[in-house]
Amino acid sequence: MARGVTHRYRSSEHLPKVLPVFPLRGAILLPHASLTLNVFEPRYLALLDFALAGERLIGVVQPAAEAGPEESPSGKSFPLRRVGCAGRLTAFTESEDGRYLISLTGIARFLLGENIGSDQAFRLCGVDFSPYADDFVAGYGEEEVDRPRLLATLKCYLQANNLSADWDRIHSASNERLVNTLSILSPYGAEEKQALLEAPDLKTRAEALVALAEMELAARDDGSGTSLQ
């Protein structure tokens, strides 16, 4: 379980003030949820080797809008979003062609600081976890989430897109794990993903997920009855 993996990180004092940073547009990580990545660029293979040799911690952050449309721009000087999330490398496999398939488990969000000069192929950045102290408290704000509304919206969305889901796992998931996992897996663009990441609390993030799904369903409603009323 993600909470077991991140249990050791009880406050910002248990995390470093500098992290290797993985910039990736359209990808976010959130506390106590997992993100799976297929890594093949040499600079990020080097980043993973660095993390594996150290504390197994990585900062996931999106490139800023002004960095252009690339998923991960070249170089180390392009602008980044101000908010990202630290994750622990919890699963790792290497393919025959040298790619790494990894899973990161989210710990806490951070404000991104300055680049730390180094001769590494990837970026090292200062990070500040202090604005997100509640991220270290597993389940913080879960009781405020409107779970029935979230599940009803999810069901409508899946039906409208002819998608299936493991409802046993969904029903057994905590509100925190459900909301954060759905946010990570959601098919929305970089701006929507960043808004989900920066939501001040779990209730607001759940409401944003519902609103995004409702807008998409309303926009494509063909009279089939799949849109939310």
Foldseek 3Di string as FASTA:
>chain_A
DLCVVQVQCQFCVSDDQKFFEDAFFPFAAAASEKDKDKADDPLVLLRQVVLVVPVQKYKYWYFDPVLDDDGGDADAPGHTDQKGWMWGWDDWDADPVGIIITMTHTAAMWGWADWDDDPRRTTMTGTHRVVTSVSSPPPPPQVLAPVVLLVVLVVLLCVVVVHDDDVVVLVPDGLVHNLRHCLRPPPDGRVLSVCLRVQPDSNSNSVSVSVVSLVVCVVPPPPPPSHDD
